[in-house]
C-alpha atoms as a PDB file:
ATOM      1  CA  MET A   1     -17.715  -1.391  18.669  1.00  0.00           C
ATOM      2  CA  ARG A   2     -17.379   1.587  16.207  1.00  0.00           C
ATOM      3  CA  ARG A   3     -13.839   2.105  14.965  1.00  0.00           C
ATOM      4  CA  PHE A   4     -12.132   5.381  14.059  1.00  0.00           C
ATOM      5  CA  THR A   5      -8.581   6.630  13.101  1.00  0.00           C
ATOM      6  CA  ILE A   6      -6.628   9.291  14.667  1.00  0.00           C
ATOM      7  CA  THR A   7      -3.025  10.552  14.552  1.00  0.00           C
ATOM      8  CA  PRO A   8      -0.742   9.980  17.547  1.00  0.00           C
ATOM      9  CA  GLU A   9      -0.516  13.804  18.301  1.00  0.00           C
ATOM     10  CA  ARG A  10      -4.276  13.789  18.961  1.00  0.00           C
ATOM     11  CA  ILE A  11      -3.827  11.969  22.169  1.00  0.00           C
ATOM     12  CA  ALA A  12      -2.545  13.887  25.116  1.00  0.00           C
ATOM     13  CA  GLY A  13      -3.066  13.576  28.873  1.00  0.00           C
ATOM     14  CA  GLY A  14      -5.457  10.526  28.550  1.00  0.00           C
ATOM     15  CA  ARG A  15      -7.723  12.451  26.227  1.00  0.00           C
ATOM     16  CA  VAL A  16      -8.450  12.216  22.450  1.00  0.00           C
ATOM     17  CA  ALA A  17      -9.471  15.033  20.166  1.00  0.00           C
ATOM     18  CA  PHE A  18     -10.909  13.680  16.887  1.00  0.00           C
ATOM     19  CA  ASP A  19     -10.249  15.541  13.670  1.00  0.00           C
ATOM     20  CA  ARG A  20     -13.133  17.366  11.824  1.00  0.00           C
ATOM     21  CA  GLY A  21     -13.861  14.544   9.516  1.00  0.00           C
ATOM     22  CA  GLU A  22     -14.066  11.903  12.072  1.00  0.00           C
ATOM     23  CA  SER A  23     -16.082  14.272  14.420  1.00  0.00           C
ATOM     24  CA  ARG A  24     -18.553  14.860  11.708  1.00  0.00           C
ATOM     25  CA  HIS A  25     -18.830  11.063  10.888  1.00  0.00           C
ATOM     26  CA  LEU A  26     -19.454  10.002  14.529  1.00  0.00           C
ATOM     27  CA  SER A  27     -21.911  12.844  15.246  1.00  0.00           C
ATOM     28  CA  ARG A  28     -23.855  13.331  12.040  1.00  0.00           C
ATOM     29  CA  VAL A  29     -23.595   9.977  10.316  1.00  0.00           C
ATOM     30  CA  LEU A  30     -23.503   7.548  13.203  1.00  0.00           C
ATOM     31  CA  ARG A  31     -25.238   9.891  15.647  1.00  0.00           C
ATOM     32  CA  LEU A  32     -23.108   8.790  18.631  1.00  0.00           C
ATOM     33  CA  ARG A  33     -23.587  10.532  21.961  1.00  0.00           C
ATOM     34  CA  SER A  34     -21.615  11.480  24.967  1.00  0.00           C
ATOM     35  CA  GLY A  35     -20.956   8.402  27.000  1.00  0.00           C
ATOM     36  CA  ASP A  36     -20.726   6.015  23.955  1.00  0.00           C
ATOM     37  CA  THR A  37     -17.560   3.978  23.614  1.00  0.00           C
ATOM     38  CA  VAL A  38     -15.515   3.642  20.478  1.00  0.00           C
ATOM     39  CA  LEU A  39     -12.173   2.271  19.274  1.00  0.00           C
ATOM     40  CA  ALA A  40      -9.577   4.675  17.950  1.00  0.00           C
ATOM     41  CA  ALA A  41      -6.522   3.347  16.025  1.00  0.00           C
ATOM     42  CA  ASP A  42      -3.523   5.742  15.825  1.00  0.00           C
ATOM     43  CA  GLY A  43      -2.037   4.340  12.557  1.00  0.00           C
ATOM     44  CA  THR A  44       1.079   3.045  14.174  1.00  0.00           C
ATOM     45  CA  GLY A  45      -0.200  -0.168  15.749  1.00  0.00           C
ATOM     46  CA  ARG A  46      -2.102   0.913  18.953  1.00  0.00           C
ATOM     47  CA  GLU A  47      -5.861   0.919  19.532  1.00  0.00           C
ATOM     48  CA  TYR A  48      -7.469   2.950  22.232  1.00  0.00           C
ATOM     49  CA  THR A  49     -10.810   2.379  23.891  1.00  0.00           C
ATOM     50  CA  VAL A  50     -12.365   5.866  24.156  1.00  0.00           C
ATOM     51  CA  ARG A  51     -15.422   7.054  26.000  1.00  0.00           C
ATOM     52  CA  LEU A  52     -16.857  10.000  24.131  1.00  0.00           C
ATOM     53  CA  GLU A  53     -17.175  13.194  26.247  1.00  0.00           C
ATOM     54  CA  THR A  54     -18.193  15.776  23.711  1.00  0.00           C
ATOM     55  CA  VAL A  55     -19.855  15.190  20.317  1.00  0.00           C
ATOM     56  CA  GLY A  56     -20.159  17.769  17.708  1.00  0.00           C
ATOM     57  CA  GLU A  57     -17.840  19.784  15.288  1.00  0.00           C
ATOM     58  CA  GLN A  58     -15.018  18.759  17.618  1.00  0.00           C
ATOM     59  CA  ALA A  59     -15.472  15.378  19.297  1.00  0.00           C
ATOM     60  CA  THR A  60     -13.373  14.526  22.329  1.00  0.00           C
ATOM     61  CA  GLY A  61     -13.131  11.517  24.676  1.00  0.00           C
ATOM     62  CA  THR A  62     -11.281   9.908  27.592  1.00  0.00           C
ATOM     63  CA  VAL A  63      -8.922   6.980  26.992  1.00  0.00           C
ATOM     64  CA  LEU A  64     -10.130   3.952  29.001  1.00  0.00           C
ATOM     65  CA  GLY A  65      -7.530   1.642  27.779  1.00  0.00           C
ATOM     66  CA  VAL A  66      -4.869   0.915  25.145  1.00  0.00           C
ATOM     67  CA  ALA A  67      -3.877  -2.259  23.391  1.00  0.00           C
ATOM     68  CA  ALA A  68      -1.855  -3.435  20.408  1.00  0.00           C
ATOM     69  CA  GLY A  69      -3.997  -3.579  17.304  1.00  0.00           C
ATOM     70  CA  ALA A  70      -4.359  -6.589  15.102  1.00  0.00           C
ATOM     71  CA  SER A  71      -0.951  -8.068  14.232  1.00  0.00           C
ATOM     72  CA  GLU A  72       0.566  -7.029  10.985  1.00  0.00           C
ATOM     73  CA  SER A  73       1.898  -9.277   8.278  1.00  0.00           C
ATOM     74  CA  PRO A  74       5.399 -10.787   8.983  1.00  0.00           C
ATOM     75  CA  VAL A  75       6.576  -9.469   5.597  1.00  0.00           C
ATOM     76  CA  GLN A  76       6.906  -5.804   4.688  1.00  0.00           C
ATOM     77  CA  ILE A  77       5.652  -5.188   1.142  1.00  0.00           C
ATOM     78  CA  THR A  78       6.364  -1.958  -0.765  1.00  0.00           C
ATOM     79  CA  LEU A  79       4.321  -1.443  -3.865  1.00  0.00           C
ATOM     80  CA  VAL A  80       6.248   0.778  -6.331  1.00  0.00           C
ATOM     81  CA  GLN A  81       3.357   1.768  -8.557  1.00  0.00           C
ATOM     82  CA  SER A  82       3.518   3.724 -11.822  1.00  0.00           C
ATOM     83  CA  VAL A  83       0.838   6.469 -11.580  1.00  0.00           C
ATOM     84  CA  PRO A  84      -2.225   5.400 -13.794  1.00  0.00           C
ATOM     85  CA  LYS A  85      -4.900   7.698 -15.328  1.00  0.00           C
ATOM     86  CA  GLY A  86      -8.035   8.776 -13.639  1.00  0.00           C
ATOM     87  CA  ASP A  87      -8.786   7.610 -10.098  1.00  0.00           C
ATOM     88  CA  LYS A  88      -7.234   4.082 -10.560  1.00  0.00           C
ATOM     89  CA  MET A  89      -4.572   4.979  -7.992  1.00  0.00           C
ATOM     90  CA  GLU A  90      -7.242   5.316  -5.409  1.00  0.00           C
ATOM     91  CA  SER A  91      -8.489   1.758  -6.133  1.00  0.00           C
ATOM     92  CA  ILE A  92      -4.854   0.497  -5.988  1.00  0.00           C
ATOM     93  CA  VAL A  93      -4.175   2.041  -2.645  1.00  0.00           C
ATOM     94  CA  ARG A  94      -7.471   0.870  -1.182  1.00  0.00           C
ATOM     95  CA  ALA A  95      -7.025  -2.725  -2.270  1.00  0.00           C
ATOM     96  CA  SER A  96      -3.328  -2.857  -1.328  1.00  0.00           C
ATOM     97  CA  THR A  97      -4.056  -1.456   2.107  1.00  0.00           C
ATOM     98  CA  GLU A  98      -6.681  -4.146   2.698  1.00  0.00           C
ATOM     99  CA  LEU A  99      -4.221  -6.734   1.551  1.00  0.00           C
ATOM    100  CA  GLY A 100      -1.538  -5.542   4.181  1.00  0.00           C
ATOM    101  CA  VAL A 101       0.878  -3.604   2.174  1.00  0.00           C
ATOM    102  CA  ALA A 102       3.378  -1.527   4.270  1.00  0.00           C
ATOM    103  CA  HIS A 103       4.199   1.202   1.786  1.00  0.00           C
ATOM    104  CA  VAL A 104       2.967   2.633  -1.547  1.00  0.00           C
ATOM    105  CA  VAL A 105       5.532   4.498  -3.560  1.00  0.00           C
ATOM    106  CA  PRO A 106       3.922   6.133  -6.653  1.00  0.00           C
ATOM    107  CA  VAL A 107       6.388   6.661  -9.536  1.00  0.00           C
ATOM    108  CA  LEU A 108       6.542   8.550 -12.780  1.00  0.00           C
ATOM    109  CA  THR A 109       7.780   6.497 -15.840  1.00  0.00           C
ATOM    110  CA  THR A 110       8.352   6.979 -19.508  1.00  0.00           C
ATOM    111  CA  ARG A 111       4.815   5.990 -20.379  1.00  0.00           C
ATOM    112  CA  THR A 112       3.077   7.712 -17.469  1.00  0.00           C
ATOM    113  CA  VAL A 113       0.224   9.807 -19.100  1.00  0.00           C
ATOM    114  CA  VAL A 114      -0.665  12.167 -16.224  1.00  0.00           C
ATOM    115  CA  THR A 115       1.500  15.234 -15.851  1.00  0.00           C
ATOM    116  CA  LEU A 116       1.012  17.619 -12.999  1.00  0.00           C
ATOM    117  CA  GLU A 117       2.980  20.330 -11.216  1.00  0.00           C
ATOM    118  CA  ALA A 118       4.890  19.368  -8.076  1.00  0.00           C
ATOM    119  CA  GLY A 119       2.359  20.980  -5.862  1.00  0.00           C
ATOM    120  CA  ARG A 120      -0.543  19.173  -7.331  1.00  0.00           C
ATOM    121  CA  TRP A 121       1.290  15.868  -7.044  1.00  0.00           C
ATOM    122  CA  ARG A 122       1.530  16.566  -3.321  1.00  0.00           C
ATOM    123  CA  ASP A 123      -2.190  17.185  -3.202  1.00  0.00           C
ATOM    124  CA  ARG A 124      -2.785  13.863  -4.975  1.00  0.00           C
ATOM    125  CA  ALA A 125      -0.388  12.159  -2.439  1.00  0.00           C
ATOM    126  CA  ARG A 126      -2.380  13.626   0.526  1.00  0.00           C
ATOM    127  CA  ARG A 127      -5.594  12.360  -1.071  1.00  0.00           C
ATOM    128  CA  TRP A 128      -4.183   8.831  -1.539  1.00  0.00           C
ATOM    129  CA  GLN A 129      -2.929   8.924   2.055  1.00  0.00           C
ATOM    130  CA  ARG A 130      -6.554   9.578   3.264  1.00  0.00           C
ATOM    131  CA  VAL A 131      -7.745   6.781   1.172  1.00  0.00           C
ATOM    132  CA  ALA A 132      -5.280   4.426   2.853  1.00  0.00           C
ATOM    133  CA  ALA A 133      -6.477   5.572   6.223  1.00  0.00           C
ATOM    134  CA  GLU A 134     -10.038   4.966   5.309  1.00  0.00           C
ATOM    135  CA  ALA A 135      -9.208   1.623   4.014  1.00  0.00           C
ATOM    136  CA  ALA A 136      -7.240   0.632   7.163  1.00  0.00           C
ATOM    137  CA  LYS A 137     -10.156   1.759   9.246  1.00  0.00           C
ATOM    138  CA  GLN A 138     -12.601  -0.397   7.177  1.00  0.00           C
ATOM    139  CA  CYS A 139     -10.521  -3.567   7.232  1.00  0.00           C
ATOM    140  CA  GLY A 140      -9.578  -3.384  10.873  1.00  0.00           C
ATOM    141  CA  ARG A 141      -5.837  -2.581  10.495  1.00  0.00           C
ATOM    142  CA  ALA A 142      -4.134  -0.617  13.262  1.00  0.00           C
ATOM    143  CA  VAL A 143      -1.338   0.463  10.961  1.00  0.00           C
ATOM    144  CA  ILE A 144      -1.943   2.896   8.087  1.00  0.00           C
ATOM    145  CA  PRO A 145       0.558   2.309   5.140  1.00  0.00           C
ATOM    146  CA  THR A 146       2.523   5.221   4.020  1.00  0.00           C
ATOM    147  CA  VAL A 147       1.812   6.753   0.514  1.00  0.00           C
ATOM    148  CA  SER A 148       4.618   9.027  -0.758  1.00  0.00           C
ATOM    149  CA  THR A 149       4.679  11.839  -3.272  1.00  0.00           C
ATOM    150  CA  PRO A 150       5.195  10.629  -6.771  1.00  0.00           C
ATOM    151  CA  ARG A 151       8.756  10.892  -8.093  1.00  0.00           C
ATOM    152  CA  PRO A 152      10.581   9.573 -11.117  1.00  0.00           C
ATOM    153  CA  LEU A 153      11.169   5.827 -11.279  1.00  0.00           C
ATOM    154  CA  ALA A 154      14.874   6.411 -11.838  1.00  0.00           C
ATOM    155  CA  ASP A 155      15.189   8.262  -8.492  1.00  0.00           C
ATOM    156  CA  VAL A 156      13.563   5.272  -6.676  1.00  0.00           C
ATOM    157  CA  LEU A 157      15.702   2.776  -8.473  1.00  0.00           C
ATOM    158  CA  ALA A 158      18.857   4.798  -7.646  1.00  0.00           C
ATOM    159  CA  ARG A 159      18.218   4.717  -3.917  1.00  0.00           C
ATOM    160  CA  ASP A 160      18.939   1.017  -3.915  1.00  0.00           C
ATOM    161  CA  GLU A 161      17.163   0.271  -0.581  1.00  0.00           C
ATOM    162  CA  PRO A 162      17.831  -3.177   0.969  1.00  0.00           C
ATOM    163  CA  ALA A 163      15.247  -5.882   0.329  1.00  0.00           C
ATOM    164  CA  GLU A 164      15.209  -9.580   0.466  1.00  0.00           C
ATOM    165  CA  LEU A 165      13.060  -9.781  -2.594  1.00  0.00           C
ATOM    166  CA  GLN A 166      12.531  -7.376  -5.581  1.00  0.00           C
ATOM    167  CA  LEU A 167      10.070  -8.203  -8.231  1.00  0.00           C
ATOM    168  CA  CYS A 168       9.451  -6.236 -11.433  1.00  0.00           C
ATOM    169  CA  LEU A 169       6.327  -7.165 -13.347  1.00  0.00           C
ATOM    170  CA  TRP A 170       6.746  -6.902 -17.122  1.00  0.00           C
ATOM    171  CA  GLU A 171       4.466  -8.258 -19.794  1.00  0.00           C
ATOM    172  CA  GLY A 172       7.446  -8.785 -22.051  1.00  0.00           C
ATOM    173  CA  ALA A 173       9.094 -11.251 -19.660  1.00  0.00           C
ATOM    174  CA  THR A 174       9.601 -14.682 -21.152  1.00  0.00           C
ATOM    175  CA  THR A 175      11.157 -17.811 -19.784  1.00  0.00           C
ATOM    176  CA  MET A 176      11.978 -19.297 -23.308  1.00  0.00           C
ATOM    177  CA  ALA A 177      11.938 -18.272 -26.820  1.00  0.00           C
ATOM    178  CA  GLY A 178      10.152 -19.802 -29.772  1.00  0.00           C
ATOM    179  CA  PRO A 179      11.963 -21.980 -32.374  1.00  0.00           C
ATOM    180  CA  GLY A 180      14.751 -20.164 -33.957  1.00  0.00           C
ATOM    181  CA  ALA A 181      14.008 -16.945 -32.090  1.00  0.00           C
ATOM    182  CA  GLU A 182      16.330 -15.027 -29.936  1.00  0.00           C
ATOM    183  CA  PRO A 183      15.207 -14.782 -26.260  1.00  0.00           C
ATOM    184  CA  GLU A 184      13.806 -11.571 -24.954  1.00  0.00           C
ATOM    185  CA  ARG A 185      16.200  -9.201 -23.379  1.00  0.00           C
ATOM    186  CA  PRO A 186      16.113  -8.607 -20.507  1.00  0.00           C
ATOM    187  CA  PRO A 187      15.130 -12.290 -19.812  1.00  0.00           C
ATOM    188  CA  GLY A 188      12.284 -12.830 -17.351  1.00  0.00           C
ATOM    189  CA  ARG A 189      10.966 -15.720 -15.273  1.00  0.00           C
ATOM    190  CA  ALA A 190       7.595 -16.953 -14.260  1.00  0.00           C
ATOM    191  CA  LEU A 191       6.514 -15.513 -10.934  1.00  0.00           C
ATOM    192  CA  ALA A 192       6.254 -18.808  -9.161  1.00  0.00           C
ATOM    193  CA  ALA A 193       9.735 -19.857 -10.203  1.00  0.00           C
ATOM    194  CA  SER A 194      11.135 -16.535  -8.792  1.00  0.00           C
ATOM    195  CA  LEU A 195       9.808 -16.908  -5.316  1.00  0.00           C
ATOM    196  CA  PRO A 196      12.030 -18.516  -2.639  1.00  0.00           C
ATOM    197  CA  PRO A 197      10.688 -21.300  -0.492  1.00  0.00           C
ATOM    198  CA  SER A 198      10.424 -19.080   2.546  1.00  0.00           C
ATOM    199  CA  LEU A 199      11.384 -15.721   3.820  1.00  0.00           C
ATOM    200  CA  PRO A 200      12.353 -14.692   7.432  1.00  0.00           C
ATOM    201  CA  ALA A 201      10.024 -12.728   9.517  1.00  0.00           C
ATOM    202  CA  GLY A 202      10.385  -8.936   8.917  1.00  0.00           C
ATOM    203  CA  ALA A 203      11.612  -9.579   5.212  1.00  0.00           C
ATOM    204  CA  ARG A 204      11.216  -6.705   2.828  1.00  0.00           C
ATOM    205  CA  ILE A 205       9.651  -7.198  -0.430  1.00  0.00           C
ATOM    206  CA  ARG A 206       9.530  -4.633  -3.179  1.00  0.00           C
ATOM    207  CA  LEU A 207       7.056  -4.913  -6.128  1.00  0.00           C
ATOM    208  CA  LEU A 208       7.277  -2.720  -9.234  1.00  0.00           C
ATOM    209  CA  VAL A 209       4.242  -2.306 -11.532  1.00  0.00           C
ATOM    210  CA  GLY A 210       4.175  -0.268 -14.693  1.00  0.00           C
ATOM    211  CA  PRO A 211       1.490   2.113 -16.021  1.00  0.00           C
ATOM    212  CA  GLU A 212      -1.149   1.419 -18.668  1.00  0.00           C
ATOM    213  CA  GLY A 213       1.319   1.201 -21.399  1.00  0.00           C
ATOM    214  CA  GLY A 214       3.844  -0.858 -19.408  1.00  0.00           C
ATOM    215  CA  LEU A 215       7.362  -0.253 -18.477  1.00  0.00           C
ATOM    216  CA  SER A 216       9.761   0.579 -21.297  1.00  0.00           C
ATOM    217  CA  ARG A 217      12.546  -1.930 -22.038  1.00  0.00           C
ATOM    218  CA  GLU A 218      15.106   0.630 -20.780  1.00  0.00           C
ATOM    219  CA  GLU A 219      13.392   0.925 -17.463  1.00  0.00           C
ATOM    220  CA  VAL A 220      13.138  -2.864 -17.046  1.00  0.00           C
ATOM    221  CA  GLU A 221      16.829  -3.172 -17.876  1.00  0.00           C
ATOM    222  CA  SER A 222      17.680  -0.495 -15.398  1.00  0.00           C
ATOM    223  CA  ALA A 223      15.743  -2.298 -12.666  1.00  0.00           C
ATOM    224  CA  GLN A 224      17.427  -5.570 -13.596  1.00  0.00           C
ATOM    225  CA  THR A 225      20.996  -4.095 -13.266  1.00  0.00           C
ATOM    226  CA  ARG A 226      20.008  -3.002  -9.698  1.00  0.00           C
ATOM    227  CA  GLY A 227      18.993  -6.443  -8.636  1.00  0.00           C
ATOM    228  CA  TRP A 228      15.238  -6.596  -9.446  1.00  0.00           C
ATOM    229  CA  THR A 229      13.964  -9.915 -10.817  1.00  0.00           C
ATOM    230  CA  ILE A 230      11.875  -9.573 -13.926  1.00  0.00           C
ATOM    231  CA  VAL A 231       8.829 -11.690 -13.823  1.00  0.00           C
ATOM    232  CA  GLY A 232       5.874 -12.520 -15.881  1.00  0.00           C
ATOM    233  CA  VAL A 233       2.485 -13.584 -14.420  1.00  0.00           C
ATOM    234  CA  GLY A 234       1.133 -16.074 -16.918  1.00  0.00           C
ATOM    235  CA  PRO A 235      -0.637 -16.007 -20.245  1.00  0.00           C
ATOM    236  CA  ARG A 236      -2.759 -12.977 -19.490  1.00  0.00           C
ATOM    237  CA  ILE A 237      -1.821  -9.347 -19.327  1.00  0.00           C
ATOM    238  CA  LEU A 238      -3.113  -7.723 -16.134  1.00  0.00           C
ATOM    239  CA  ARG A 239      -4.400  -4.133 -15.976  1.00  0.00           C
ATOM    240  CA  THR A 240      -2.175  -1.813 -13.962  1.00  0.00           C
ATOM    241  CA  GLU A 241      -4.874  -1.516 -11.357  1.00  0.00           C
ATOM    242  CA  THR A 242      -5.165  -5.245 -11.031  1.00  0.00           C
ATOM    243  CA  ALA A 243      -1.567  -6.299 -11.144  1.00  0.00           C
ATOM    244  CA  GLY A 244      -0.255  -4.793  -7.801  1.00  0.00           C
ATOM    245  CA  PRO A 245      -3.097  -6.123  -5.651  1.00  0.00           C
ATOM    246  CA  ALA A 246      -3.182  -9.485  -7.345  1.00  0.00           C
ATOM    247  CA  ILE A 247       0.626 -10.120  -6.725  1.00  0.00           C
ATOM    248  CA  ILE A 248       0.338  -8.676  -3.181  1.00  0.00           C
ATOM    249  CA  ALA A 249      -2.240 -11.299  -2.473  1.00  0.00           C
ATOM    250  CA  VAL A 250       0.071 -14.019  -3.866  1.00  0.00           C
ATOM    251  CA  LEU A 251       2.992 -12.818  -1.726  1.00  0.00           C
ATOM    252  CA  GLN A 252       0.782 -12.582   1.459  1.00  0.00           C
ATOM    253  CA  ALA A 253      -0.596 -16.011   0.888  1.00  0.00           C
ATOM    254  CA  ARG A 254       2.939 -17.396   0.320  1.00  0.00           C
ATOM    255  CA  PHE A 255       4.980 -15.490   2.946  1.00  0.00           C
ATOM    256  CA  GLY A 256       2.467 -13.437   4.923  1.00  0.00           C
ATOM    257  CA  ASP A 257      -0.703 -13.699   6.846  1.00  0.00           C
ATOM    258  CA  LEU A 258      -3.369 -14.064   4.138  1.00  0.00           C
ATOM    259  CA  GLY A 259      -5.442 -16.980   4.971  1.00  0.00           C
ATOM    260  CA  SER A 260      -3.484 -17.757   8.169  1.00  0.00           C
ATOM    261  CA  GLY A 261      -6.588 -17.683  10.263  1.00  0.00           C
ATOM    262  CA  GLY A 262      -4.773 -15.621  12.842  1.00  0.00           C
END
């Protein structure tokens, strides 16, 4: 059955009014007709079985039933991602959504290359939110992760939100120094050694990833003083668009639902 996304306010009185984009897709691309049945996920965890009544610029339908969508991961992962150049952020949001991330928090760091006015950052955030909705639709998630408007990393760190696990990826992290050398400061640990054996259901995980040039030492030290664990990911340096999704996959395999078969 074809699957679409809607917002909760588009459901009223047992009827659904699809937005312009979804209306155009189901009528012009899929060429669905009145009487066809589709699924509509509201982005908060509910899926509606809908019989189409009108198809065109404004598609509408009648709700035949409602059910809980596919279950979400038992852990809530927030990706704090430094904004990269070009359209890399779209790829990051898309892959992270498919991997079950709960929130994406874009941040501006010392080495962030892109500079925009506040209004244009809001436009970017709306675009990334649409990408998250499209990715959720494609992968069968009934929940759409939130993507916030970019803000300075210092502001995000200062909020000190509670989390059971906070990981800051840094290519300068080391677990030991060479002969006669001073250890790196701030010291880091290997990712595997930083993960607890288990986490309770509903545990919150925050993952911080730097931009193309990496986080500055001062930013890493600031994160560390606020309880973030500084971790390295092995002998290779990952691109910023690779790092977040790669580590989210590790976290979902270790604590979440990746590969659970559920």
